[in-house]
């Protein structure tokens, strides 16, 4: 039964990693107009939540606020999607062998995530109106590291919980 559970965790985490990689690839495949429109919609939703008077501003004030906040929202989106990738990648690599210390899968996750961040930015360089930015690779890699930290913390807390029960 335990072996079946472990293989289910392995395949489920692999599916999550692949789905997230496909989603990131699809976002990077959007041309500048599609990407900008999506970012503007997300930014408007975020501003509607964090700025209660956003809908009451006149059109020029909304446009100015959207432009300023849009850059931040885009960078946060980069960080978030790669944080999720780091989180699920570490789960996958740890599920490959539960017996090895967490350092090794964390290192493999960091390298894999950083390489995927580089490939994502290179891919964007071939998309109409998009560019390759070193800052985005840094933000993406920082997101991967954050995902590793969160998953690592969960593994640590689980181990402490199990030690406390025995």
C-alpha atoms as a PDB file:
ATOM      1  CA  UNK A   1       0.000   0.000   0.000  1.00  0.00           C
ATOM      2  CA  UNK A   2       2.771   2.447   0.952  1.00  0.00           C
ATOM      3  CA  UNK A   3       4.654   1.688  -2.263  1.00  0.00           C
ATOM      4  CA  UNK A   4       1.495   2.380  -4.288  1.00  0.00           C
ATOM      5  CA  UNK A   5       1.072   5.712  -2.474  1.00  0.00           C
ATOM      6  CA  UNK A   6       4.665   6.709  -3.235  1.00  0.00           C
ATOM      7  CA  UNK A   7       4.303   5.923  -6.940  1.00  0.00           C
ATOM      8  CA  UNK A   8       1.039   7.902  -7.040  1.00  0.00           C
ATOM      9  CA  UNK A   9       2.805  10.878  -5.466  1.00  0.00           C
ATOM     10  CA  UNK A  10       5.614  10.545  -8.008  1.00  0.00           C
ATOM     11  CA  UNK A  11       3.298  10.493 -11.035  1.00  0.00           C
ATOM     12  CA  UNK A  12       1.003  13.182  -9.667  1.00  0.00           C
ATOM     13  CA  UNK A  13       3.922  15.522  -8.980  1.00  0.00           C
ATOM     14  CA  UNK A  14       5.334  14.827 -12.454  1.00  0.00           C
ATOM     15  CA  UNK A  15       1.969  15.739 -13.988  1.00  0.00           C
ATOM     16  CA  UNK A  16       1.892  18.983 -11.992  1.00  0.00           C
ATOM     17  CA  UNK A  17       5.430  19.889 -13.088  1.00  0.00           C
ATOM     18  CA  UNK A  18       4.701  19.171 -16.753  1.00  0.00           C
ATOM     19  CA  UNK A  19       1.387  21.050 -16.653  1.00  0.00           C
ATOM     20  CA  UNK A  20       3.096  24.067 -15.124  1.00  0.00           C
ATOM     21  CA  UNK A  21       5.919  23.958 -17.660  1.00  0.00           C
ATOM     22  CA  UNK A  22       3.369  23.842 -20.486  1.00  0.00           C
ATOM     23  CA  UNK A  23       1.467  26.774 -18.962  1.00  0.00           C
ATOM     24  CA  UNK A  24       4.675  28.821 -18.660  1.00  0.00           C
ATOM     25  CA  UNK A  25       5.555  27.956 -22.251  1.00  0.00           C
ATOM     26  CA  UNK A  26       2.081  29.027 -23.423  1.00  0.00           C
ATOM     27  CA  UNK A  27       2.316  32.347 -21.578  1.00  0.00           C
ATOM     28  CA  UNK A  28       5.721  32.942 -23.164  1.00  0.00           C
ATOM     29  CA  UNK A  29       4.294  32.105 -26.590  1.00  0.00           C
ATOM     30  CA  UNK A  30       1.862  35.030 -26.452  1.00  0.00           C
ATOM     31  CA  UNK A  31       2.880  37.969 -28.599  1.00  0.00           C
ATOM     32  CA  UNK A  32       3.281  41.367 -26.957  1.00  0.00           C
ATOM     33  CA  UNK A  33      -0.328  42.411 -27.626  1.00  0.00           C
ATOM     34  CA  UNK A  34      -1.828  39.229 -26.146  1.00  0.00           C
ATOM     35  CA  UNK A  35       0.532  39.284 -23.193  1.00  0.00           C
ATOM     36  CA  UNK A  36      -0.086  42.973 -22.569  1.00  0.00           C
ATOM     37  CA  UNK A  37      -3.858  42.528 -22.698  1.00  0.00           C
ATOM     38  CA  UNK A  38      -3.741  39.644 -20.235  1.00  0.00           C
ATOM     39  CA  UNK A  39      -1.460  41.605 -17.918  1.00  0.00           C
ATOM     40  CA  UNK A  40      -3.761  44.632 -18.096  1.00  0.00           C
ATOM     41  CA  UNK A  41      -6.789  42.508 -17.140  1.00  0.00           C
ATOM     42  CA  UNK A  42      -4.950  40.892 -14.225  1.00  0.00           C
ATOM     43  CA  UNK A  43      -3.587  44.267 -13.101  1.00  0.00           C
ATOM     44  CA  UNK A  44      -7.086  45.799 -13.205  1.00  0.00           C
ATOM     45  CA  UNK A  45      -8.405  42.971 -11.004  1.00  0.00           C
ATOM     46  CA  UNK A  46      -5.508  43.365  -8.545  1.00  0.00           C
ATOM     47  CA  UNK A  47      -5.957  47.142  -8.410  1.00  0.00           C
ATOM     48  CA  UNK A  48      -9.691  46.689  -7.886  1.00  0.00           C
ATOM     49  CA  UNK A  49      -8.864  44.627  -4.796  1.00  0.00           C
ATOM     50  CA  UNK A  50      -6.004  46.656  -3.294  1.00  0.00           C
ATOM     51  CA  UNK A  51      -7.175  50.138  -4.334  1.00  0.00           C
ATOM     52  CA  UNK A  52     -10.815  50.491  -3.252  1.00  0.00           C
ATOM     53  CA  UNK A  53     -11.360  53.708  -5.237  1.00  0.00           C
ATOM     54  CA  UNK A  54      -9.866  52.360  -8.475  1.00  0.00           C
ATOM     55  CA  UNK A  55     -13.243  52.111 -10.264  1.00  0.00           C
ATOM     56  CA  UNK A  56     -14.104  55.701  -9.288  1.00  0.00           C
ATOM     57  CA  UNK A  57     -10.954  57.192 -10.813  1.00  0.00           C
ATOM     58  CA  UNK A  58     -11.252  58.932 -14.157  1.00  0.00           C
ATOM     59  CA  UNK A  59      -9.964  57.137 -17.254  1.00  0.00           C
ATOM     60  CA  UNK A  60      -6.601  58.924 -17.373  1.00  0.00           C
ATOM     61  CA  UNK A  61      -5.883  58.230 -13.697  1.00  0.00           C
ATOM     62  CA  UNK A  62      -6.831  54.558 -14.142  1.00  0.00           C
ATOM     63  CA  UNK A  63      -4.601  54.270 -17.215  1.00  0.00           C
ATOM     64  CA  UNK A  64      -1.669  55.863 -15.372  1.00  0.00           C
ATOM     65  CA  UNK A  65      -2.138  53.572 -12.372  1.00  0.00           C
ATOM     66  CA  UNK A  66      -2.504  50.526 -14.649  1.00  0.00           C
ATOM     67  CA  UNK A  67       0.747  51.405 -16.413  1.00  0.00           C
ATOM     68  CA  UNK A  68       2.658  51.826 -13.146  1.00  0.00           C
ATOM     69  CA  UNK A  69       1.251  48.735 -11.464  1.00  0.00           C
ATOM     70  CA  UNK A  70       1.383  46.610 -14.618  1.00  0.00           C
ATOM     71  CA  UNK A  71       5.153  46.243 -14.509  1.00  0.00           C
ATOM     72  CA  UNK A  72       5.056  45.108 -10.885  1.00  0.00           C
ATOM     73  CA  UNK A  73       2.233  42.645 -11.565  1.00  0.00           C
ATOM     74  CA  UNK A  74       4.148  41.148 -14.508  1.00  0.00           C
ATOM     75  CA  UNK A  75       7.276  40.626 -12.413  1.00  0.00           C
ATOM     76  CA  UNK A  76       5.202  39.133  -9.576  1.00  0.00           C
ATOM     77  CA  UNK A  77       3.616  36.778 -12.109  1.00  0.00           C
ATOM     78  CA  UNK A  78       7.079  35.658 -13.243  1.00  0.00           C
ATOM     79  CA  UNK A  79       8.116  35.078  -9.642  1.00  0.00           C
ATOM     80  CA  UNK A  80       4.889  33.248  -8.736  1.00  0.00           C
ATOM     81  CA  UNK A  81       4.780  30.832 -11.649  1.00  0.00           C
ATOM     82  CA  UNK A  82       8.407  29.857 -11.103  1.00  0.00           C
ATOM     83  CA  UNK A  83       7.890  29.598  -7.325  1.00  0.00           C
ATOM     84  CA  UNK A  84       5.156  27.056  -8.067  1.00  0.00           C
ATOM     85  CA  UNK A  85       7.531  25.289 -10.453  1.00  0.00           C
ATOM     86  CA  UNK A  86      10.253  25.117  -7.791  1.00  0.00           C
ATOM     87  CA  UNK A  87       7.735  23.837  -5.253  1.00  0.00           C
ATOM     88  CA  UNK A  88       6.415  21.046  -7.480  1.00  0.00           C
ATOM     89  CA  UNK A  89       9.825  20.181  -8.945  1.00  0.00           C
ATOM     90  CA  UNK A  90      11.239  19.624  -5.473  1.00  0.00           C
ATOM     91  CA  UNK A  91       8.258  17.421  -4.641  1.00  0.00           C
ATOM     92  CA  UNK A  92       8.908  15.406  -7.794  1.00  0.00           C
ATOM     93  CA  UNK A  93      12.661  15.037  -7.278  1.00  0.00           C
ATOM     94  CA  UNK A  94      12.189  14.117  -3.614  1.00  0.00           C
ATOM     95  CA  UNK A  95       9.538  11.537  -4.609  1.00  0.00           C
ATOM     96  CA  UNK A  96      12.106   9.857  -6.888  1.00  0.00           C
ATOM     97  CA  UNK A  97      13.936   8.705  -3.766  1.00  0.00           C
ATOM     98  CA  UNK A  98      12.532   9.394  -0.325  1.00  0.00           C
ATOM     99  CA  UNK A  99      15.687   8.110   1.374  1.00  0.00           C
ATOM    100  CA  UNK A 100      18.200  10.667   0.109  1.00  0.00           C
ATOM    101  CA  UNK A 101      18.707  13.918   2.050  1.00  0.00           C
ATOM    102  CA  UNK A 102      16.712  16.918   0.853  1.00  0.00           C
ATOM    103  CA  UNK A 103      19.846  18.855  -0.177  1.00  0.00           C
ATOM    104  CA  UNK A 104      20.414  16.810  -3.317  1.00  0.00           C
ATOM    105  CA  UNK A 105      16.894  17.117  -4.798  1.00  0.00           C
ATOM    106  CA  UNK A 106      16.880  20.806  -3.778  1.00  0.00           C
ATOM    107  CA  UNK A 107      20.085  21.391  -5.736  1.00  0.00           C
ATOM    108  CA  UNK A 108      18.765  19.484  -8.768  1.00  0.00           C
ATOM    109  CA  UNK A 109      15.542  21.509  -8.528  1.00  0.00           C
ATOM    110  CA  UNK A 110      17.426  24.814  -8.393  1.00  0.00           C
ATOM    111  CA  UNK A 111      19.524  23.945 -11.443  1.00  0.00           C
ATOM    112  CA  UNK A 112      16.544  22.579 -13.399  1.00  0.00           C
ATOM    113  CA  UNK A 113      14.418  25.617 -12.532  1.00  0.00           C
ATOM    114  CA  UNK A 114      17.163  28.069 -13.481  1.00  0.00           C
ATOM    115  CA  UNK A 115      17.750  26.287 -16.798  1.00  0.00           C
ATOM    116  CA  UNK A 116      14.017  26.383 -17.516  1.00  0.00           C
ATOM    117  CA  UNK A 117      14.016  30.122 -16.698  1.00  0.00           C
ATOM    118  CA  UNK A 118      16.837  30.661 -19.205  1.00  0.00           C
ATOM    119  CA  UNK A 119      15.059  28.586 -21.862  1.00  0.00           C
ATOM    120  CA  UNK A 120      11.824  30.510 -21.203  1.00  0.00           C
ATOM    121  CA  UNK A 121      13.532  33.844 -21.772  1.00  0.00           C
ATOM    122  CA  UNK A 122      15.302  32.575 -24.902  1.00  0.00           C
ATOM    123  CA  UNK A 123      11.934  31.338 -26.190  1.00  0.00           C
ATOM    124  CA  UNK A 124      10.418  34.795 -25.631  1.00  0.00           C
ATOM    125  CA  UNK A 125      13.145  36.268 -27.818  1.00  0.00           C
ATOM    126  CA  UNK A 126      11.591  34.481 -30.796  1.00  0.00           C
ATOM    127  CA  UNK A 127       8.043  35.713 -30.101  1.00  0.00           C
ATOM    128  CA  UNK A 128       6.758  38.820 -31.885  1.00  0.00           C
ATOM    129  CA  UNK A 129       7.141  41.928 -29.755  1.00  0.00           C
ATOM    130  CA  UNK A 130       8.686  40.079 -26.815  1.00  0.00           C
ATOM    131  CA  UNK A 131      12.252  40.305 -25.584  1.00  0.00           C
ATOM    132  CA  UNK A 132      14.772  38.349 -23.584  1.00  0.00           C
ATOM    133  CA  UNK A 133      15.582  39.990 -20.246  1.00  0.00           C
ATOM    134  CA  UNK A 134      18.270  38.903 -17.823  1.00  0.00           C
ATOM    135  CA  UNK A 135      16.270  40.450 -14.962  1.00  0.00           C
ATOM    136  CA  UNK A 136      13.419  38.031 -15.697  1.00  0.00           C
ATOM    137  CA  UNK A 137      15.812  35.074 -15.453  1.00  0.00           C
ATOM    138  CA  UNK A 138      16.926  36.373 -12.049  1.00  0.00           C
ATOM    139  CA  UNK A 139      13.314  36.880 -10.909  1.00  0.00           C
ATOM    140  CA  UNK A 140      12.302  33.437 -12.211  1.00  0.00           C
ATOM    141  CA  UNK A 141      15.265  31.784 -10.505  1.00  0.00           C
ATOM    142  CA  UNK A 142      14.471  33.598  -7.255  1.00  0.00           C
ATOM    143  CA  UNK A 143      10.923  32.263  -7.579  1.00  0.00           C
ATOM    144  CA  UNK A 144      12.265  28.727  -7.955  1.00  0.00           C
ATOM    145  CA  UNK A 145      14.386  29.203  -4.825  1.00  0.00           C
ATOM    146  CA  UNK A 146      11.356  30.491  -2.924  1.00  0.00           C
ATOM    147  CA  UNK A 147       9.343  27.432  -4.016  1.00  0.00           C
ATOM    148  CA  UNK A 148      12.188  25.205  -2.834  1.00  0.00           C
ATOM    149  CA  UNK A 149      12.213  26.967   0.537  1.00  0.00           C
ATOM    150  CA  UNK A 150       8.461  26.565   1.000  1.00  0.00           C
ATOM    151  CA  UNK A 151       8.491  22.874   0.047  1.00  0.00           C
ATOM    152  CA  UNK A 152      11.614  22.324   2.127  1.00  0.00           C
ATOM    153  CA  UNK A 153       9.870  23.908   5.101  1.00  0.00           C
ATOM    154  CA  UNK A 154       6.910  21.564   4.612  1.00  0.00           C
ATOM    155  CA  UNK A 155       9.241  18.542   4.527  1.00  0.00           C
ATOM    156  CA  UNK A 156      10.964  19.822   7.680  1.00  0.00           C
ATOM    157  CA  UNK A 157       7.668  20.346   9.519  1.00  0.00           C
ATOM    158  CA  UNK A 158       6.434  16.911   8.457  1.00  0.00           C
ATOM    159  CA  UNK A 159       9.612  15.300   9.780  1.00  0.00           C
ATOM    160  CA  UNK A 160       9.323  17.200  13.082  1.00  0.00           C
ATOM    161  CA  UNK A 161       5.672  16.129  13.357  1.00  0.00           C
ATOM    162  CA  UNK A 162       6.580  12.483  12.794  1.00  0.00           C
ATOM    163  CA  UNK A 163       9.461  12.697  15.294  1.00  0.00           C
ATOM    164  CA  UNK A 164       7.087  14.142  17.869  1.00  0.00           C
ATOM    165  CA  UNK A 165       4.617  11.273  17.423  1.00  0.00           C
ATOM    166  CA  UNK A 166       7.282   8.626  18.120  1.00  0.00           C
END
